[in-house]
Amino acid sequence: MLVIDDDEQVLAAMRSVLGVWGHRVFCATSPDEAVVMAISHAPDIDLLISDYRLGGNVTAVDAIRAVHACLPRSIPTYILTGDTSPQRIQEASELGFPILHKPIDALALRSILET
């Protein structure tokens, strides 16, 4: 799976938890890094989790579009956000992907991986 977040601590935690659960995790801090990972590891990526805000004016919209364009098939995609403002949640919801809220509960994360 591919996880995109501009916070290195979040990426390290996700890599650790998902790795313990037996998943191969590719991490990226930006859409550009995510595209490199997607091109290099396309057959191995079967799930995408992207933070909504990726620094500056970059959002999950940019990252998801860029990664999906590099993959040969559709994959389940989730947006991770710590933003609780109704406007931001609405913007993320309009993308049509399920939203996960930070800090993400390990049980909630595990349940999406089992579906």
N, C-alpha and C. Protein backbone atom coordinates (compact mmCIF):
# COMPACT_ATOMS: atom_id res chain seq x y z
N MET A 1 0.83 -1.17 0.00
CA MET A 1 0.00 0.00 0.00
C MET A 1 0.87 1.23 0.00
N LEU A 2 0.29 2.35 -0.43
CA LEU A 2 1.00 3.61 -0.51
C LEU A 2 0.35 4.58 0.45
N VAL A 3 1.18 5.19 1.31
CA VAL A 3 0.71 6.19 2.27
C VAL A 3 1.40 7.50 1.96
N ILE A 4 0.60 8.57 1.84
CA ILE A 4 1.14 9.89 1.54
C ILE A 4 0.79 10.83 2.69
N ASP A 5 1.81 11.43 3.28
CA ASP A 5 1.61 12.40 4.36
C ASP A 5 2.86 13.26 4.45
N ASP A 6 2.70 14.54 4.64
CA ASP A 6 3.87 15.41 4.74
C ASP A 6 4.49 15.42 6.14
N ASP A 7 3.90 14.67 7.05
CA ASP A 7 4.42 14.56 8.42
C ASP A 7 5.18 13.24 8.55
N GLU A 8 6.49 13.35 8.71
CA GLU A 8 7.35 12.16 8.80
C GLU A 8 6.97 11.26 9.97
N GLN A 9 6.51 11.84 11.06
CA GLN A 9 6.12 11.03 12.22
C GLN A 9 4.89 10.19 11.91
N VAL A 10 3.95 10.76 11.20
CA VAL A 10 2.75 10.01 10.80
C VAL A 10 3.15 8.86 9.88
N LEU A 11 4.03 9.16 8.92
CA LEU A 11 4.48 8.10 8.00
C LEU A 11 5.19 6.98 8.75
N ALA A 12 6.05 7.35 9.68
CA ALA A 12 6.79 6.33 10.45
C ALA A 12 5.82 5.47 11.25
N ALA A 13 4.83 6.08 11.85
CA ALA A 13 3.85 5.32 12.64
C ALA A 13 3.03 4.40 11.75
N MET A 14 2.59 4.92 10.60
CA MET A 14 1.81 4.09 9.67
C MET A 14 2.65 2.93 9.16
N ARG A 15 3.90 3.20 8.78
CA ARG A 15 4.78 2.15 8.29
C ARG A 15 4.98 1.08 9.36
N SER A 16 5.17 1.50 10.59
CA SER A 16 5.39 0.57 11.68
C SER A 16 4.17 -0.32 11.93
N VAL A 17 3.01 0.31 12.09
CA VAL A 17 1.79 -0.45 12.39
C VAL A 17 1.43 -1.39 11.24
N LEU A 18 1.43 -0.85 10.02
CA LEU A 18 1.06 -1.66 8.87
C LEU A 18 2.08 -2.76 8.61
N GLY A 19 3.34 -2.48 8.86
CA GLY A 19 4.39 -3.49 8.70
C GLY A 19 4.23 -4.63 9.68
N VAL A 20 3.90 -4.30 10.92
CA VAL A 20 3.67 -5.34 11.94
C VAL A 20 2.51 -6.23 11.52
N TRP A 21 1.54 -5.65 10.85
CA TRP A 21 0.39 -6.42 10.39
C TRP A 21 0.69 -7.20 9.11
N GLY A 22 1.91 -7.10 8.62
CA GLY A 22 2.30 -7.90 7.47
C GLY A 22 2.16 -7.24 6.12
N HIS A 23 1.91 -5.94 6.10
CA HIS A 23 1.74 -5.23 4.84
C HIS A 23 3.05 -4.62 4.38
N ARG A 24 3.23 -4.58 3.08
CA ARG A 24 4.37 -3.88 2.49
C ARG A 24 3.90 -2.44 2.27
N VAL A 25 4.63 -1.49 2.85
CA VAL A 25 4.19 -0.10 2.85
C VAL A 25 5.21 0.77 2.13
N PHE A 26 4.71 1.57 1.19
CA PHE A 26 5.52 2.57 0.50
C PHE A 26 5.04 3.92 1.01
N CYS A 27 5.97 4.78 1.41
CA CYS A 27 5.61 6.07 1.98
C CYS A 27 6.14 7.21 1.13
N ALA A 28 5.36 8.28 1.06
CA ALA A 28 5.75 9.46 0.30
C ALA A 28 5.29 10.71 1.06
N THR A 29 6.10 11.77 0.96
CA THR A 29 5.76 13.02 1.64
C THR A 29 5.12 14.05 0.70
N SER A 30 5.00 13.71 -0.57
CA SER A 30 4.43 14.66 -1.54
C SER A 30 3.84 13.88 -2.71
N PRO A 31 3.02 14.56 -3.51
CA PRO A 31 2.51 13.90 -4.72
C PRO A 31 3.64 13.45 -5.65
N ASP A 32 4.69 14.25 -5.77
CA ASP A 32 5.80 13.87 -6.64
C ASP A 32 6.46 12.57 -6.18
N GLU A 33 6.73 12.47 -4.88
CA GLU A 33 7.30 11.22 -4.35
C GLU A 33 6.33 10.06 -4.54
N ALA A 34 5.06 10.33 -4.36
CA ALA A 34 4.05 9.28 -4.51
C ALA A 34 4.01 8.76 -5.95
N VAL A 35 4.16 9.65 -6.90
CA VAL A 35 4.18 9.24 -8.31
C VAL A 35 5.38 8.33 -8.58
N VAL A 36 6.53 8.68 -8.03
CA VAL A 36 7.72 7.84 -8.20
C VAL A 36 7.46 6.46 -7.62
N MET A 37 6.87 6.41 -6.43
CA MET A 37 6.55 5.13 -5.80
C MET A 37 5.54 4.35 -6.64
N ALA A 38 4.53 5.05 -7.13
CA ALA A 38 3.48 4.39 -7.92
C ALA A 38 4.05 3.81 -9.21
N ILE A 39 4.92 4.55 -9.86
CA ILE A 39 5.53 4.05 -11.10
C ILE A 39 6.43 2.86 -10.81
N SER A 40 7.22 2.97 -9.75
CA SER A 40 8.19 1.92 -9.41
C SER A 40 7.54 0.65 -8.86
N HIS A 41 6.41 0.81 -8.18
CA HIS A 41 5.83 -0.33 -7.46
C HIS A 41 4.37 -0.58 -7.81
N ALA A 42 3.92 -0.15 -8.97
CA ALA A 42 2.51 -0.23 -9.36
C ALA A 42 1.88 -1.60 -9.09
N PRO A 43 2.53 -2.72 -9.46
CA PRO A 43 1.87 -4.01 -9.24
C PRO A 43 1.68 -4.35 -7.75
N ASP A 44 2.48 -3.72 -6.89
CA ASP A 44 2.43 -4.03 -5.46
C ASP A 44 1.50 -3.12 -4.66
N ILE A 45 0.97 -2.10 -5.29
CA ILE A 45 0.12 -1.14 -4.57
C ILE A 45 -1.34 -1.51 -4.80
N ASP A 46 -2.00 -1.85 -3.70
CA ASP A 46 -3.41 -2.21 -3.81
C ASP A 46 -4.30 -1.37 -2.90
N LEU A 47 -3.72 -0.34 -2.28
CA LEU A 47 -4.49 0.56 -1.43
C LEU A 47 -3.71 1.86 -1.30
N LEU A 48 -4.43 2.98 -1.26
CA LEU A 48 -3.82 4.30 -1.14
C LEU A 48 -4.46 5.04 0.02
N ILE A 49 -3.63 5.59 0.89
CA ILE A 49 -4.10 6.46 1.97
C ILE A 49 -3.33 7.77 1.83
N SER A 50 -4.05 8.87 1.68
CA SER A 50 -3.40 10.17 1.55
C SER A 50 -3.94 11.15 2.57
N ASP A 51 -3.03 11.84 3.23
CA ASP A 51 -3.42 12.95 4.09
C ASP A 51 -4.10 14.00 3.22
N TYR A 52 -5.07 14.72 3.77
CA TYR A 52 -5.77 15.72 2.97
C TYR A 52 -4.88 16.92 2.69
N ARG A 53 -4.23 17.45 3.70
CA ARG A 53 -3.35 18.61 3.52
C ARG A 53 -1.91 18.14 3.46
N LEU A 54 -1.26 18.44 2.34
CA LEU A 54 0.11 17.95 2.13
C LEU A 54 1.13 19.09 2.08
N GLY A 55 0.82 20.19 2.69
CA GLY A 55 1.74 21.33 2.72
C GLY A 55 1.44 22.34 1.64
N GLY A 56 1.55 23.61 1.98
CA GLY A 56 1.25 24.66 1.01
C GLY A 56 -0.19 24.55 0.55
N ASN A 57 -0.39 24.66 -0.74
CA ASN A 57 -1.73 24.55 -1.32
C ASN A 57 -1.99 23.16 -1.89
N VAL A 58 -1.14 22.21 -1.57
CA VAL A 58 -1.27 20.85 -2.10
C VAL A 58 -2.21 20.05 -1.21
N THR A 59 -3.15 19.34 -1.85
CA THR A 59 -4.09 18.52 -1.09
C THR A 59 -4.11 17.09 -1.64
N ALA A 60 -4.89 16.29 -0.99
CA ALA A 60 -5.05 14.90 -1.43
C ALA A 60 -5.56 14.82 -2.86
N VAL A 61 -6.31 15.82 -3.30
CA VAL A 61 -6.82 15.82 -4.67
C VAL A 61 -5.67 15.67 -5.65
N ASP A 62 -4.63 16.49 -5.45
CA ASP A 62 -3.46 16.45 -6.33
C ASP A 62 -2.77 15.09 -6.26
N ALA A 63 -2.57 14.62 -5.05
CA ALA A 63 -1.85 13.36 -4.86
C ALA A 63 -2.62 12.18 -5.43
N ILE A 64 -3.90 12.10 -5.15
CA ILE A 64 -4.71 10.98 -5.61
C ILE A 64 -4.78 10.94 -7.13
N ARG A 65 -5.04 12.08 -7.73
CA ARG A 65 -5.09 12.12 -9.20
C ARG A 65 -3.77 11.68 -9.82
N ALA A 66 -2.67 12.17 -9.27
CA ALA A 66 -1.35 11.84 -9.81
C ALA A 66 -1.05 10.35 -9.67
N VAL A 67 -1.35 9.78 -8.51
CA VAL A 67 -1.07 8.35 -8.29
C VAL A 67 -1.99 7.49 -9.14
N HIS A 68 -3.28 7.79 -9.15
CA HIS A 68 -4.21 6.98 -9.94
C HIS A 68 -3.84 6.97 -11.42
N ALA A 69 -3.29 8.08 -11.91
CA ALA A 69 -2.88 8.15 -13.32
C ALA A 69 -1.72 7.21 -13.63
N CYS A 70 -0.98 6.79 -12.62
CA CYS A 70 0.19 5.93 -12.81
C CYS A 70 -0.11 4.45 -12.61
N LEU A 71 -1.28 4.15 -12.09
CA LEU A 71 -1.59 2.75 -11.77
C LEU A 71 -2.42 2.12 -12.88
N PRO A 72 -2.21 0.83 -13.11
CA PRO A 72 -2.92 0.15 -14.19
C PRO A 72 -4.36 -0.24 -13.86
N ARG A 73 -4.76 -0.03 -12.60
CA ARG A 73 -6.10 -0.43 -12.18
C ARG A 73 -6.56 0.48 -11.04
N SER A 74 -7.85 0.47 -10.78
CA SER A 74 -8.40 1.23 -9.66
C SER A 74 -8.04 0.54 -8.35
N ILE A 75 -7.78 1.32 -7.35
CA ILE A 75 -7.49 0.76 -6.03
C ILE A 75 -8.31 1.50 -4.98
N PRO A 76 -8.63 0.84 -3.87
CA PRO A 76 -9.31 1.55 -2.78
C PRO A 76 -8.45 2.71 -2.31
N THR A 77 -9.09 3.84 -2.07
CA THR A 77 -8.38 5.06 -1.69
C THR A 77 -9.09 5.71 -0.51
N TYR A 78 -8.31 6.14 0.47
CA TYR A 78 -8.83 6.78 1.66
C TYR A 78 -8.12 8.10 1.88
N ILE A 79 -8.86 9.07 2.43
CA ILE A 79 -8.28 10.36 2.78
C ILE A 79 -8.17 10.43 4.29
N LEU A 80 -7.01 10.79 4.76
CA LEU A 80 -6.72 10.92 6.19
C LEU A 80 -6.66 12.41 6.51
N THR A 81 -7.36 12.85 7.53
CA THR A 81 -7.32 14.26 7.88
C THR A 81 -7.43 14.48 9.38
N GLY A 82 -6.72 15.50 9.82
CA GLY A 82 -6.82 15.94 11.20
C GLY A 82 -7.65 17.21 11.29
N ASP A 83 -8.07 17.72 10.15
CA ASP A 83 -8.85 18.95 10.07
C ASP A 83 -10.28 18.64 10.46
N THR A 84 -10.81 19.39 11.39
CA THR A 84 -12.17 19.15 11.85
C THR A 84 -13.15 20.22 11.38
N SER A 85 -12.68 21.17 10.57
CA SER A 85 -13.59 22.21 10.12
C SER A 85 -14.60 21.60 9.15
N PRO A 86 -15.87 21.97 9.29
CA PRO A 86 -16.90 21.42 8.41
C PRO A 86 -16.60 21.66 6.93
N GLN A 87 -16.02 22.81 6.60
CA GLN A 87 -15.70 23.12 5.20
C GLN A 87 -14.67 22.15 4.66
N ARG A 88 -13.61 21.86 5.40
CA ARG A 88 -12.57 20.95 4.93
C ARG A 88 -13.10 19.53 4.83
N ILE A 89 -13.90 19.12 5.78
CA ILE A 89 -14.48 17.78 5.74
C ILE A 89 -15.40 17.66 4.53
N GLN A 90 -16.17 18.71 4.24
CA GLN A 90 -17.04 18.71 3.07
C GLN A 90 -16.21 18.60 1.79
N GLU A 91 -15.12 19.37 1.69
CA GLU A 91 -14.26 19.33 0.51
C GLU A 91 -13.70 17.92 0.31
N ALA A 92 -13.23 17.32 1.39
CA ALA A 92 -12.68 15.97 1.30
C ALA A 92 -13.76 14.97 0.91
N SER A 93 -14.94 15.12 1.48
CA SER A 93 -16.05 14.20 1.18
C SER A 93 -16.47 14.26 -0.28
N GLU A 94 -16.39 15.45 -0.86
CA GLU A 94 -16.81 15.62 -2.26
C GLU A 94 -15.92 14.85 -3.23
N LEU A 95 -14.76 14.43 -2.78
CA LEU A 95 -13.87 13.66 -3.64
C LEU A 95 -14.41 12.25 -3.86
N GLY A 96 -15.30 11.81 -2.97
CA GLY A 96 -15.90 10.50 -3.13
C GLY A 96 -15.14 9.36 -2.49
N PHE A 97 -14.11 9.69 -1.72
CA PHE A 97 -13.34 8.65 -1.04
C PHE A 97 -13.65 8.70 0.45
N PRO A 98 -13.64 7.54 1.11
CA PRO A 98 -13.89 7.53 2.55
C PRO A 98 -12.84 8.36 3.29
N ILE A 99 -13.28 8.98 4.38
CA ILE A 99 -12.40 9.82 5.19
C ILE A 99 -12.08 9.12 6.49
N LEU A 100 -10.81 9.14 6.84
CA LEU A 100 -10.32 8.63 8.13
C LEU A 100 -9.82 9.84 8.92
N HIS A 101 -10.16 9.92 10.19
CA HIS A 101 -9.78 11.07 11.00
C HIS A 101 -8.57 10.77 11.87
N LYS A 102 -7.64 11.74 11.90
CA LYS A 102 -6.47 11.65 12.76
C LYS A 102 -6.87 12.08 14.17
N PRO A 103 -6.30 11.48 15.18
CA PRO A 103 -5.44 10.30 15.08
C PRO A 103 -6.30 9.08 14.79
N ILE A 104 -5.84 8.29 13.85
CA ILE A 104 -6.62 7.13 13.44
C ILE A 104 -6.48 6.01 14.46
N ASP A 105 -7.58 5.45 14.81
CA ASP A 105 -7.63 4.33 15.73
C ASP A 105 -7.12 3.08 15.00
N ALA A 106 -6.26 2.33 15.66
CA ALA A 106 -5.69 1.13 15.03
C ALA A 106 -6.78 0.14 14.60
N LEU A 107 -7.82 -0.01 15.39
CA LEU A 107 -8.90 -0.93 15.03
C LEU A 107 -9.65 -0.46 13.79
N ALA A 108 -9.85 0.86 13.68
CA ALA A 108 -10.51 1.40 12.48
C ALA A 108 -9.64 1.18 11.25
N LEU A 109 -8.35 1.40 11.41
CA LEU A 109 -7.43 1.17 10.30
C LEU A 109 -7.44 -0.29 9.89
N ARG A 110 -7.39 -1.14 10.86
CA ARG A 110 -7.37 -2.58 10.56
C ARG A 110 -8.65 -3.02 9.86
N SER A 111 -9.77 -2.43 10.25
CA SER A 111 -11.04 -2.83 9.65
C SER A 111 -11.11 -2.46 8.17
N ILE A 112 -10.52 -1.32 7.76
CA ILE A 112 -10.56 -0.99 6.33
C ILE A 112 -9.65 -1.91 5.52
N LEU A 113 -8.62 -2.43 6.16
CA LEU A 113 -7.71 -3.32 5.46
C LEU A 113 -8.32 -4.70 5.27
N GLU A 114 -9.28 -5.04 6.06
CA GLU A 114 -9.90 -6.36 5.99
C GLU A 114 -11.12 -6.38 5.08
N THR A 115 -11.50 -5.25 4.51
CA THR A 115 -12.68 -5.22 3.64
C THR A 115 -12.30 -5.48 2.21
